[in-house]
Amino acid sequence: HLRKAIIRHEESLRLHGVCKMLRKMDILQEVLSHAHACSLEKYSDIDQEDDFCEVAEAPEI
């Protein structure tokens, strides 16, 4: 879900930069950028939590 949100945020930021009328709304740019940054931060936190690099030691038998 977060990955799709990040893609949508990036598309919104791109459209904001293209549309002449939207470029006049600086607050919209700030809100979109903030939401994008928050989503990226959450996604990176989740991505690290799912990292299976830690190897558990097997008990001696």
Protein backbone atom coordinates (compact mmCIF):
# COMPACT_ATOMS: atom_id res chain seq x y z
CA HIS A 1 0.00 0.00 0.00
CA LEU A 2 2.79 2.41 0.89
CA ARG A 3 4.63 1.68 -2.34
CA LYS A 4 1.54 2.70 -4.34
CA ALA A 5 1.17 5.83 -2.20
CA ILE A 6 4.77 6.80 -2.92
CA ILE A 7 4.21 6.32 -6.64
CA ARG A 8 1.08 8.49 -6.48
CA HIS A 9 2.92 11.18 -4.50
CA GLU A 10 5.67 11.26 -7.11
CA GLU A 11 3.12 11.53 -9.89
CA SER A 12 1.33 14.35 -8.04
CA LEU A 13 4.61 16.22 -7.58
CA ARG A 14 5.39 15.78 -11.28
CA LEU A 15 1.97 17.08 -12.30
CA HIS A 16 2.32 19.98 -9.89
CA GLY A 17 5.52 21.00 -11.65
CA VAL A 18 3.97 20.70 -15.11
CA CYS A 19 0.67 22.52 -14.56
CA LYS A 20 0.98 26.30 -14.67
CA MET A 21 -2.02 26.87 -12.39
CA LEU A 22 -0.83 24.38 -9.77
CA ARG A 23 2.68 25.87 -9.67
CA LYS A 24 1.15 29.04 -8.21
CA MET A 25 0.00 27.04 -5.16
CA ASP A 26 3.17 26.83 -3.06
CA ILE A 27 1.35 25.31 -0.08
CA LEU A 28 0.26 22.39 -2.25
CA GLN A 29 3.90 21.72 -3.16
CA GLU A 30 4.84 21.74 0.53
CA VAL A 31 2.02 19.36 1.49
CA LEU A 32 2.83 16.95 -1.34
CA SER A 33 6.54 17.00 -0.53
CA HIS A 34 5.90 16.42 3.18
CA ALA A 35 3.51 13.53 2.52
CA HIS A 36 6.00 11.99 0.09
CA ALA A 37 8.84 12.28 2.60
CA CYS A 38 6.73 10.71 5.37
CA SER A 39 5.71 7.82 3.13
CA LEU A 40 9.32 7.21 2.08
CA GLU A 41 10.43 7.20 5.72
CA LYS A 42 7.72 4.72 6.72
CA TYR A 43 8.50 2.51 3.73
CA SER A 44 12.21 2.43 4.56
CA ASP A 45 11.39 1.55 8.19
CA ILE A 46 9.18 -1.33 7.09
CA ASP A 47 11.71 -2.48 4.52
CA GLN A 48 14.41 -2.77 7.19
CA GLU A 49 12.09 -4.65 9.54
CA ASP A 50 11.50 -7.33 6.91
CA ASP A 51 15.21 -7.86 6.34
CA PHE A 52 16.09 -11.47 7.08
CA CYS A 53 19.86 -11.01 7.24
CA GLU A 54 20.04 -11.91 10.92
CA VAL A 55 21.01 -15.54 11.28
CA ALA A 56 19.80 -17.38 14.36
CA GLU A 57 22.19 -19.88 15.85
CA ALA A 58 20.98 -23.45 15.96
CA PRO A 59 20.95 -25.00 19.44
CA GLU A 60 23.49 -27.71 20.16
CA ILE A 61 22.05 -31.19 20.28
